[in-house]
Amino acid sequence: MENKTELEQAAEKYTPKRIEQESFINGAKWQQEQMYSEAQLKEYGEFCVAKFNGFKKVTLINEYFEQFKK
């Protein structure tokens, strides 16, 4: 029995042809590379708070991140 990744399983579920499955997987991998890490988002949020809000509480960034990261 072959072990398949979640991405491979999703490709099989949503695309009927093998060539489409490869495109699906490649597109998902490309999109993942375009995403920012949690640390990068927090760093940018801290920068914005310091730059635009006169050094208000940075803890708000962590609260917003936890609320909206899902």
N, C-alpha and C. Protein backbone atom coordinates (compact mmCIF):
# COMPACT_ATOMS: atom_id res chain seq x y z
N MET A 1 0.84 -1.18 0.00
CA MET A 1 0.00 0.00 0.00
C MET A 1 0.89 1.25 0.00
N GLU A 2 0.56 2.19 -0.81
CA GLU A 2 1.34 3.40 -0.99
C GLU A 2 0.89 4.47 -0.01
N ASN A 3 1.86 5.09 0.67
CA ASN A 3 1.54 6.21 1.57
C ASN A 3 1.50 7.48 0.75
N LYS A 4 0.38 8.19 0.83
CA LYS A 4 0.22 9.43 0.08
C LYS A 4 0.07 10.59 1.05
N THR A 5 0.63 11.72 0.64
CA THR A 5 0.50 12.92 1.46
C THR A 5 -0.93 13.45 1.35
N GLU A 6 -1.27 14.35 2.26
CA GLU A 6 -2.59 14.97 2.21
C GLU A 6 -2.79 15.71 0.89
N LEU A 7 -1.72 16.34 0.42
CA LEU A 7 -1.79 17.07 -0.84
C LEU A 7 -2.07 16.13 -2.00
N GLU A 8 -1.40 14.99 -2.04
CA GLU A 8 -1.65 13.99 -3.09
C GLU A 8 -3.07 13.44 -3.01
N GLN A 9 -3.55 13.22 -1.81
CA GLN A 9 -4.92 12.73 -1.63
C GLN A 9 -5.93 13.77 -2.12
N ALA A 10 -5.69 15.04 -1.80
CA ALA A 10 -6.58 16.11 -2.24
C ALA A 10 -6.56 16.23 -3.76
N ALA A 11 -5.38 16.10 -4.35
CA ALA A 11 -5.27 16.17 -5.82
C ALA A 11 -6.09 15.07 -6.47
N GLU A 12 -6.02 13.87 -5.93
CA GLU A 12 -6.80 12.76 -6.48
C GLU A 12 -8.30 12.99 -6.31
N LYS A 13 -8.66 13.58 -5.19
CA LYS A 13 -10.08 13.81 -4.90
C LYS A 13 -10.69 14.88 -5.82
N TYR A 14 -9.93 15.95 -6.07
CA TYR A 14 -10.50 17.10 -6.78
C TYR A 14 -10.14 17.20 -8.25
N THR A 15 -9.22 16.37 -8.73
CA THR A 15 -8.85 16.43 -10.14
C THR A 15 -8.84 15.02 -10.73
N PRO A 16 -9.59 14.80 -11.80
CA PRO A 16 -9.73 13.45 -12.33
C PRO A 16 -8.54 12.91 -13.13
N LYS A 17 -7.76 13.77 -13.75
CA LYS A 17 -6.68 13.31 -14.61
C LYS A 17 -5.32 13.52 -13.95
N ARG A 18 -4.38 12.64 -14.24
CA ARG A 18 -3.05 12.71 -13.62
C ARG A 18 -2.35 14.03 -13.92
N ILE A 19 -2.45 14.52 -15.15
CA ILE A 19 -1.79 15.78 -15.49
C ILE A 19 -2.40 16.94 -14.70
N GLU A 20 -3.70 16.88 -14.45
CA GLU A 20 -4.34 17.91 -13.63
C GLU A 20 -3.89 17.78 -12.17
N GLN A 21 -3.69 16.56 -11.71
CA GLN A 21 -3.24 16.34 -10.34
C GLN A 21 -1.85 16.94 -10.14
N GLU A 22 -0.98 16.77 -11.11
CA GLU A 22 0.36 17.35 -11.02
C GLU A 22 0.28 18.88 -10.96
N SER A 23 -0.59 19.47 -11.75
CA SER A 23 -0.77 20.92 -11.73
C SER A 23 -1.32 21.38 -10.39
N PHE A 24 -2.26 20.64 -9.87
CA PHE A 24 -2.86 20.93 -8.56
C PHE A 24 -1.77 20.96 -7.49
N ILE A 25 -0.93 19.92 -7.47
CA ILE A 25 0.14 19.81 -6.48
C ILE A 25 1.15 20.93 -6.65
N ASN A 26 1.57 21.18 -7.89
CA ASN A 26 2.54 22.25 -8.14
C ASN A 26 1.98 23.61 -7.74
N GLY A 27 0.71 23.85 -8.02
CA GLY A 27 0.08 25.12 -7.64
C GLY A 27 0.01 25.28 -6.13
N ALA A 28 -0.31 24.22 -5.42
CA ALA A 28 -0.38 24.28 -3.96
C ALA A 28 1.00 24.53 -3.35
N LYS A 29 2.02 23.90 -3.93
CA LYS A 29 3.38 24.12 -3.43
C LYS A 29 3.82 25.56 -3.69
N TRP A 30 3.49 26.10 -4.86
CA TRP A 30 3.85 27.47 -5.18
C TRP A 30 3.17 28.43 -4.22
N GLN A 31 1.87 28.19 -3.95
CA GLN A 31 1.13 29.06 -3.04
C GLN A 31 1.74 29.03 -1.64
N GLN A 32 2.17 27.87 -1.20
CA GLN A 32 2.76 27.75 0.12
C GLN A 32 4.04 28.57 0.22
N GLU A 33 4.81 28.61 -0.85
CA GLU A 33 6.04 29.40 -0.85
C GLU A 33 5.76 30.90 -0.77
N GLN A 34 4.56 31.32 -1.18
CA GLN A 34 4.21 32.73 -1.18
C GLN A 34 3.71 33.20 0.18
N MET A 35 3.46 32.28 1.07
CA MET A 35 2.89 32.61 2.37
C MET A 35 3.98 33.05 3.34
N TYR A 36 3.60 33.83 4.32
CA TYR A 36 4.51 34.30 5.34
C TYR A 36 4.42 33.42 6.58
N SER A 37 5.51 33.33 7.31
CA SER A 37 5.51 32.56 8.55
C SER A 37 4.85 33.37 9.66
N GLU A 38 4.52 32.70 10.74
CA GLU A 38 3.94 33.38 11.90
C GLU A 38 4.90 34.43 12.43
N ALA A 39 6.19 34.11 12.48
CA ALA A 39 7.19 35.05 12.99
C ALA A 39 7.27 36.29 12.09
N GLN A 40 7.22 36.10 10.79
CA GLN A 40 7.27 37.23 9.87
C GLN A 40 6.06 38.14 10.04
N LEU A 41 4.89 37.54 10.21
CA LEU A 41 3.68 38.34 10.39
C LEU A 41 3.73 39.14 11.69
N LYS A 42 4.21 38.52 12.75
CA LYS A 42 4.30 39.23 14.03
C LYS A 42 5.31 40.37 13.93
N GLU A 43 6.44 40.12 13.28
CA GLU A 43 7.46 41.16 13.12
C GLU A 43 6.90 42.34 12.34
N TYR A 44 6.18 42.06 11.27
CA TYR A 44 5.58 43.13 10.47
C TYR A 44 4.52 43.88 11.29
N GLY A 45 3.73 43.16 12.06
CA GLY A 45 2.72 43.79 12.90
C GLY A 45 3.34 44.71 13.94
N GLU A 46 4.44 44.26 14.53
CA GLU A 46 5.14 45.10 15.51
C GLU A 46 5.69 46.36 14.85
N PHE A 47 6.21 46.21 13.64
CA PHE A 47 6.70 47.36 12.90
C PHE A 47 5.57 48.37 12.65
N CYS A 48 4.42 47.87 12.23
CA CYS A 48 3.29 48.76 11.93
C CYS A 48 2.81 49.48 13.18
N VAL A 49 2.73 48.77 14.29
CA VAL A 49 2.30 49.40 15.53
C VAL A 49 3.27 50.50 15.91
N ALA A 50 4.56 50.20 15.86
CA ALA A 50 5.58 51.20 16.23
C ALA A 50 5.57 52.38 15.27
N LYS A 51 5.40 52.12 14.00
CA LYS A 51 5.48 53.17 12.99
C LYS A 51 4.24 54.06 12.97
N PHE A 52 3.07 53.45 13.07
CA PHE A 52 1.84 54.20 12.82
C PHE A 52 1.00 54.49 14.05
N ASN A 53 1.28 53.84 15.16
CA ASN A 53 0.44 54.04 16.34
C ASN A 53 1.21 54.53 17.54
N GLY A 54 2.37 55.10 17.33
CA GLY A 54 3.11 55.68 18.44
C GLY A 54 3.50 54.69 19.51
N PHE A 55 3.93 53.51 19.14
CA PHE A 55 4.43 52.50 20.07
C PHE A 55 3.35 52.01 21.04
N LYS A 56 2.14 51.81 20.55
CA LYS A 56 1.10 51.25 21.40
C LYS A 56 1.44 49.80 21.73
N LYS A 57 0.64 49.19 22.54
CA LYS A 57 0.92 47.84 23.02
C LYS A 57 1.09 46.84 21.87
N VAL A 58 2.21 46.18 21.88
CA VAL A 58 2.49 45.17 20.87
C VAL A 58 1.70 43.89 21.16
N THR A 59 1.23 43.76 22.39
CA THR A 59 0.46 42.56 22.73
C THR A 59 -0.80 42.46 21.89
N LEU A 60 -1.33 43.57 21.40
CA LEU A 60 -2.51 43.53 20.55
C LEU A 60 -2.24 42.72 19.29
N ILE A 61 -1.03 42.81 18.79
CA ILE A 61 -0.66 42.06 17.58
C ILE A 61 -0.82 40.57 17.84
N ASN A 62 -0.31 40.12 18.98
CA ASN A 62 -0.42 38.70 19.30
C ASN A 62 -1.88 38.28 19.45
N GLU A 63 -2.70 39.14 20.05
CA GLU A 63 -4.12 38.83 20.20
C GLU A 63 -4.81 38.74 18.84
N TYR A 64 -4.54 39.72 17.97
CA TYR A 64 -5.13 39.69 16.63
C TYR A 64 -4.67 38.47 15.85
N PHE A 65 -3.39 38.16 15.96
CA PHE A 65 -2.85 37.03 15.23
C PHE A 65 -3.54 35.74 15.66
N GLU A 66 -3.66 35.53 16.95
CA GLU A 66 -4.32 34.33 17.45
C GLU A 66 -5.78 34.25 17.00
N GLN A 67 -6.44 35.40 16.97
CA GLN A 67 -7.85 35.45 16.59
C GLN A 67 -8.06 35.12 15.11
N PHE A 68 -7.17 35.63 14.25
CA PHE A 68 -7.42 35.53 12.81
C PHE A 68 -6.55 34.53 12.07
N LYS A 69 -5.65 33.81 12.73
CA LYS A 69 -4.75 32.93 12.01
C LYS A 69 -5.44 31.66 11.50
N LYS A 70 -6.59 31.35 12.00
CA LYS A 70 -7.31 30.17 11.55
C LYS A 70 -8.05 30.52 10.33
